[in-house]
């Protein structure tokens, strides 16, 4: 994928191409404003074209949704605690990750 963005690159097309991405990544890849990307993600989600594939902790320690293309079951939101190791996945997700760490 090229580092430059084309004016006709849509959020939907980019998410299809990369498979999974956070809104921040999609903002960088498409070159579109944050509000535009967020609104597009909300619309695609309500149309069941995308789902929440996972959650990850961003640099500020906030939980970010990792959007995935296609109709699927949403990942459960992780439990957060006030500690340096704040991200605690659900046990079934942690077990699945341990079986398939490269996903």
N, C-alpha and C. Protein backbone atom coordinates (compact mmCIF):
# COMPACT_ATOMS: atom_id res chain seq x y z
N UNK A 1 0.85 -1.18 0.00
CA UNK A 1 0.00 0.00 0.00
C UNK A 1 0.89 1.24 0.00
N UNK A 2 0.53 2.23 -0.76
CA UNK A 2 1.35 3.42 -0.87
C UNK A 2 1.16 4.34 0.32
N UNK A 3 2.15 5.15 0.57
CA UNK A 3 2.10 6.09 1.68
C UNK A 3 1.22 7.30 1.36
N UNK A 4 1.05 7.60 0.09
CA UNK A 4 0.21 8.73 -0.29
C UNK A 4 -1.22 8.28 -0.43
N UNK A 5 -2.14 9.20 -0.19
CA UNK A 5 -3.55 8.86 -0.29
C UNK A 5 -4.16 9.53 -1.51
N UNK A 6 -5.09 8.84 -2.11
CA UNK A 6 -5.79 9.35 -3.27
C UNK A 6 -7.06 10.05 -2.79
N UNK A 7 -7.51 11.09 -3.48
CA UNK A 7 -8.71 11.79 -3.03
C UNK A 7 -9.97 10.92 -3.07
N UNK A 8 -9.97 9.83 -3.86
CA UNK A 8 -11.16 9.00 -3.94
C UNK A 8 -11.07 7.72 -3.09
N UNK A 9 -10.11 7.67 -2.17
CA UNK A 9 -10.00 6.54 -1.26
C UNK A 9 -11.05 6.71 -0.17
N UNK A 10 -11.92 5.74 -0.04
CA UNK A 10 -12.95 5.83 0.98
C UNK A 10 -12.54 5.02 2.20
N UNK A 11 -13.18 5.31 3.31
CA UNK A 11 -12.92 4.58 4.54
C UNK A 11 -13.28 3.11 4.35
N UNK A 12 -14.43 2.86 3.71
CA UNK A 12 -14.88 1.49 3.49
C UNK A 12 -13.89 0.71 2.64
N UNK A 13 -13.44 1.31 1.55
CA UNK A 13 -12.49 0.64 0.65
C UNK A 13 -11.17 0.35 1.37
N UNK A 14 -10.71 1.31 2.17
CA UNK A 14 -9.45 1.13 2.88
C UNK A 14 -9.57 0.02 3.93
N UNK A 15 -10.70 0.00 4.65
CA UNK A 15 -10.89 -1.03 5.66
C UNK A 15 -10.99 -2.41 5.01
N UNK A 16 -11.62 -2.49 3.84
CA UNK A 16 -11.66 -3.76 3.11
C UNK A 16 -10.26 -4.20 2.73
N UNK A 17 -9.44 -3.27 2.32
CA UNK A 17 -8.08 -3.58 1.87
C UNK A 17 -7.20 -4.06 3.03
N UNK A 18 -7.26 -3.37 4.16
CA UNK A 18 -6.38 -3.73 5.28
C UNK A 18 -6.99 -4.79 6.19
N UNK A 19 -8.29 -4.97 6.15
CA UNK A 19 -8.95 -6.01 6.95
C UNK A 19 -9.37 -5.54 8.32
N UNK A 20 -8.42 -5.04 9.10
CA UNK A 20 -8.69 -4.57 10.47
C UNK A 20 -7.89 -3.31 10.72
N UNK A 21 -8.52 -2.32 11.38
CA UNK A 21 -7.81 -1.08 11.68
C UNK A 21 -8.59 -0.26 12.70
N UNK A 22 -7.86 0.56 13.44
CA UNK A 22 -8.50 1.51 14.35
C UNK A 22 -8.88 2.75 13.56
N UNK A 23 -9.68 3.61 14.16
CA UNK A 23 -10.06 4.84 13.48
C UNK A 23 -8.84 5.73 13.22
N UNK A 24 -7.91 5.74 14.14
CA UNK A 24 -6.69 6.55 13.98
C UNK A 24 -5.90 6.11 12.75
N UNK A 25 -5.79 4.81 12.57
CA UNK A 25 -5.07 4.28 11.40
C UNK A 25 -5.81 4.65 10.12
N UNK A 26 -7.13 4.53 10.14
CA UNK A 26 -7.92 4.86 8.96
C UNK A 26 -7.82 6.35 8.62
N UNK A 27 -7.74 7.20 9.63
CA UNK A 27 -7.56 8.64 9.40
C UNK A 27 -6.25 8.88 8.66
N UNK A 28 -5.19 8.21 9.11
CA UNK A 28 -3.88 8.37 8.48
C UNK A 28 -3.86 7.80 7.06
N UNK A 29 -4.48 6.65 6.87
CA UNK A 29 -4.44 6.01 5.55
C UNK A 29 -5.29 6.72 4.50
N UNK A 30 -6.42 7.26 4.92
CA UNK A 30 -7.31 7.92 3.96
C UNK A 30 -7.04 9.40 3.80
N UNK A 31 -6.45 10.02 4.81
CA UNK A 31 -6.21 11.45 4.77
C UNK A 31 -7.48 12.26 4.99
N UNK A 32 -8.51 11.63 5.48
CA UNK A 32 -9.78 12.31 5.72
C UNK A 32 -9.83 12.84 7.16
N UNK A 33 -10.68 13.85 7.40
CA UNK A 33 -10.80 14.41 8.76
C UNK A 33 -11.35 13.36 9.75
N UNK A 34 -10.98 13.54 11.01
CA UNK A 34 -11.39 12.60 12.06
C UNK A 34 -12.91 12.46 12.12
N UNK A 35 -13.63 13.56 12.09
CA UNK A 35 -15.09 13.51 12.19
C UNK A 35 -15.70 12.72 11.04
N UNK A 36 -15.16 12.89 9.85
CA UNK A 36 -15.64 12.18 8.68
C UNK A 36 -15.44 10.67 8.83
N UNK A 37 -14.26 10.28 9.28
CA UNK A 37 -13.96 8.85 9.45
C UNK A 37 -14.85 8.24 10.53
N UNK A 38 -15.00 8.92 11.66
CA UNK A 38 -15.83 8.42 12.76
C UNK A 38 -17.28 8.26 12.30
N UNK A 39 -17.81 9.26 11.61
CA UNK A 39 -19.19 9.18 11.12
C UNK A 39 -19.37 8.04 10.12
N UNK A 40 -18.40 7.86 9.25
CA UNK A 40 -18.46 6.77 8.28
C UNK A 40 -18.43 5.42 8.98
N UNK A 41 -17.57 5.28 9.98
CA UNK A 41 -17.50 4.02 10.74
C UNK A 41 -18.83 3.73 11.44
N UNK A 42 -19.44 4.76 12.03
CA UNK A 42 -20.73 4.57 12.69
C UNK A 42 -21.79 4.12 11.69
N UNK A 43 -21.82 4.75 10.52
CA UNK A 43 -22.79 4.37 9.50
C UNK A 43 -22.57 2.95 9.00
N UNK A 44 -21.32 2.59 8.74
CA UNK A 44 -21.02 1.22 8.29
C UNK A 44 -21.38 0.20 9.36
N UNK A 45 -21.16 0.56 10.61
CA UNK A 45 -21.47 -0.34 11.73
C UNK A 45 -22.99 -0.57 11.82
N UNK A 46 -23.76 0.50 11.70
CA UNK A 46 -25.22 0.38 11.78
C UNK A 46 -25.80 -0.36 10.57
N UNK A 47 -25.08 -0.35 9.46
CA UNK A 47 -25.50 -1.10 8.27
C UNK A 47 -25.00 -2.54 8.31
N UNK A 48 -24.32 -2.93 9.39
CA UNK A 48 -23.75 -4.28 9.58
C UNK A 48 -22.72 -4.64 8.51
N UNK A 49 -22.00 -3.64 8.02
CA UNK A 49 -20.93 -3.91 7.07
C UNK A 49 -19.59 -4.11 7.77
N UNK A 50 -19.48 -3.59 8.99
CA UNK A 50 -18.27 -3.77 9.79
C UNK A 50 -18.67 -4.18 11.20
N UNK A 51 -17.69 -4.69 11.94
CA UNK A 51 -17.93 -5.04 13.34
C UNK A 51 -16.66 -4.74 14.14
N UNK A 52 -16.79 -4.79 15.46
CA UNK A 52 -15.65 -4.55 16.33
C UNK A 52 -14.91 -5.87 16.45
N UNK A 53 -13.76 -5.95 15.80
CA UNK A 53 -12.99 -7.19 15.78
C UNK A 53 -12.19 -7.42 17.05
N UNK A 54 -11.77 -6.35 17.69
CA UNK A 54 -10.96 -6.45 18.90
C UNK A 54 -10.87 -5.07 19.55
N UNK A 55 -10.24 -5.05 20.68
CA UNK A 55 -9.93 -3.79 21.36
C UNK A 55 -8.45 -3.77 21.63
N UNK A 56 -7.86 -2.57 21.58
CA UNK A 56 -6.46 -2.43 21.94
C UNK A 56 -6.28 -1.13 22.72
N UNK A 57 -5.21 -1.06 23.47
CA UNK A 57 -4.93 0.13 24.27
C UNK A 57 -4.03 1.05 23.46
N UNK A 58 -4.43 2.31 23.32
CA UNK A 58 -3.61 3.26 22.57
C UNK A 58 -2.49 3.82 23.45
N UNK A 59 -1.72 4.74 22.93
CA UNK A 59 -0.57 5.29 23.65
C UNK A 59 -0.95 6.01 24.94
N UNK A 60 -2.16 6.55 24.99
CA UNK A 60 -2.62 7.25 26.19
C UNK A 60 -3.24 6.32 27.22
N UNK A 61 -3.28 5.05 26.93
CA UNK A 61 -3.88 4.10 27.86
C UNK A 61 -5.39 3.96 27.69
N UNK A 62 -5.92 4.52 26.61
CA UNK A 62 -7.35 4.42 26.35
C UNK A 62 -7.63 3.21 25.47
N UNK A 63 -8.80 2.63 25.65
CA UNK A 63 -9.18 1.48 24.85
C UNK A 63 -9.69 1.98 23.50
N UNK A 64 -9.16 1.41 22.42
CA UNK A 64 -9.57 1.77 21.07
C UNK A 64 -10.19 0.54 20.39
N UNK A 65 -11.24 0.78 19.62
CA UNK A 65 -11.88 -0.29 18.87
C UNK A 65 -11.06 -0.59 17.62
N UNK A 66 -10.89 -1.87 17.35
CA UNK A 66 -10.26 -2.29 16.11
C UNK A 66 -11.39 -2.77 15.21
N UNK A 67 -11.66 -2.01 14.17
CA UNK A 67 -12.78 -2.31 13.27
C UNK A 67 -12.37 -3.37 12.27
N UNK A 68 -13.27 -4.29 11.99
CA UNK A 68 -13.01 -5.35 11.02
C UNK A 68 -14.11 -5.34 9.96
N UNK A 69 -13.73 -5.61 8.72
CA UNK A 69 -14.69 -5.62 7.63
C UNK A 69 -15.55 -6.87 7.70
N UNK A 70 -16.81 -6.73 7.39
CA UNK A 70 -17.73 -7.86 7.32
C UNK A 70 -18.65 -7.90 8.52
N UNK A 71 -19.72 -8.66 8.35
CA UNK A 71 -20.70 -8.83 9.41
C UNK A 71 -20.20 -9.94 10.33
N UNK A 72 -20.00 -9.62 11.58
CA UNK A 72 -19.51 -10.60 12.53
C UNK A 72 -19.91 -10.21 13.94
N UNK A 73 -19.60 -11.07 14.87
CA UNK A 73 -19.88 -10.77 16.27
C UNK A 73 -18.84 -9.78 16.79
N UNK A 74 -19.32 -8.81 17.55
CA UNK A 74 -18.42 -7.83 18.15
C UNK A 74 -17.62 -8.47 19.27
N UNK A 75 -16.37 -8.07 19.39
CA UNK A 75 -15.54 -8.48 20.51
C UNK A 75 -16.07 -7.81 21.77
N UNK A 76 -15.94 -8.49 22.89
CA UNK A 76 -16.40 -7.89 24.14
C UNK A 76 -15.38 -6.87 24.62
N UNK A 77 -15.90 -5.79 25.18
CA UNK A 77 -15.03 -4.73 25.68
C UNK A 77 -14.26 -5.24 26.89
N UNK A 78 -12.95 -4.98 26.95
CA UNK A 78 -12.14 -5.48 28.06
C UNK A 78 -12.43 -4.76 29.37
N UNK A 79 -12.10 -5.42 30.45
CA UNK A 79 -12.22 -4.83 31.77
C UNK A 79 -10.99 -3.97 32.00
N UNK A 80 -11.21 -2.74 32.45
CA UNK A 80 -10.08 -1.84 32.68
C UNK A 80 -9.89 -1.63 34.18
N UNK A 81 -8.65 -1.59 34.59
CA UNK A 81 -8.31 -1.31 35.99
C UNK A 81 -7.31 -0.17 36.02
N UNK A 82 -7.28 0.53 37.13
CA UNK A 82 -6.32 1.63 37.28
C UNK A 82 -4.98 1.07 37.71
N UNK A 83 -4.18 0.71 36.73
CA UNK A 83 -2.84 0.21 36.99
C UNK A 83 -2.01 0.44 35.73
N UNK A 84 -0.73 0.18 35.83
CA UNK A 84 0.12 0.34 34.66
C UNK A 84 -0.20 -0.70 33.60
N UNK A 85 -0.60 -1.88 34.02
CA UNK A 85 -1.03 -2.91 33.09
C UNK A 85 -2.55 -2.86 33.08
N UNK A 86 -3.10 -1.97 32.25
CA UNK A 86 -4.53 -1.69 32.31
C UNK A 86 -5.37 -2.61 31.45
N UNK A 87 -4.80 -3.21 30.43
CA UNK A 87 -5.58 -4.00 29.49
C UNK A 87 -5.69 -5.44 29.98
N UNK A 88 -6.90 -5.83 30.32
CA UNK A 88 -7.14 -7.20 30.79
C UNK A 88 -8.20 -7.81 29.89
N UNK A 89 -7.81 -8.67 28.96
CA UNK A 89 -8.81 -9.25 28.07
C UNK A 89 -9.67 -10.28 28.80
N UNK A 90 -10.83 -10.58 28.23
CA UNK A 90 -11.66 -11.65 28.77
C UNK A 90 -10.91 -12.96 28.63
N UNK A 91 -11.18 -13.90 29.52
CA UNK A 91 -10.43 -15.15 29.55
C UNK A 91 -10.54 -15.92 28.23
N UNK A 92 -11.73 -15.97 27.63
CA UNK A 92 -11.86 -16.73 26.38
C UNK A 92 -11.07 -16.10 25.25
N UNK A 93 -10.96 -14.78 25.23
CA UNK A 93 -10.16 -14.11 24.21
C UNK A 93 -8.68 -14.31 24.47
N UNK A 94 -8.28 -14.29 25.72
CA UNK A 94 -6.88 -14.52 26.06
C UNK A 94 -6.48 -15.94 25.69
N UNK A 95 -7.33 -16.88 25.96
CA UNK A 95 -7.04 -18.28 25.63
C UNK A 95 -6.94 -18.46 24.12
N UNK A 96 -7.82 -17.81 23.37
CA UNK A 96 -7.78 -17.89 21.91
C UNK A 96 -6.51 -17.28 21.39
N UNK A 97 -6.07 -16.18 21.97
CA UNK A 97 -4.84 -15.55 21.53
C UNK A 97 -3.65 -16.44 21.80
N UNK A 98 -3.65 -17.12 22.94
CA UNK A 98 -2.53 -18.00 23.27
C UNK A 98 -2.43 -19.17 22.30
N UNK A 99 -3.58 -19.63 21.78
CA UNK A 99 -3.55 -20.72 20.81
C UNK A 99 -3.12 -20.21 19.44
N UNK A 100 -3.44 -18.94 19.12
CA UNK A 100 -3.13 -18.36 17.81
C UNK A 100 -2.50 -16.98 17.99
N UNK A 101 -1.28 -16.88 18.47
CA UNK A 101 -0.68 -15.57 18.76
C UNK A 101 -0.41 -14.71 17.53
N UNK A 102 -0.43 -15.26 16.35
CA UNK A 102 -0.10 -14.48 15.14
C UNK A 102 -1.32 -13.80 14.54
N UNK A 103 -2.54 -14.02 15.05
CA UNK A 103 -3.75 -13.41 14.48
C UNK A 103 -3.82 -11.94 14.76
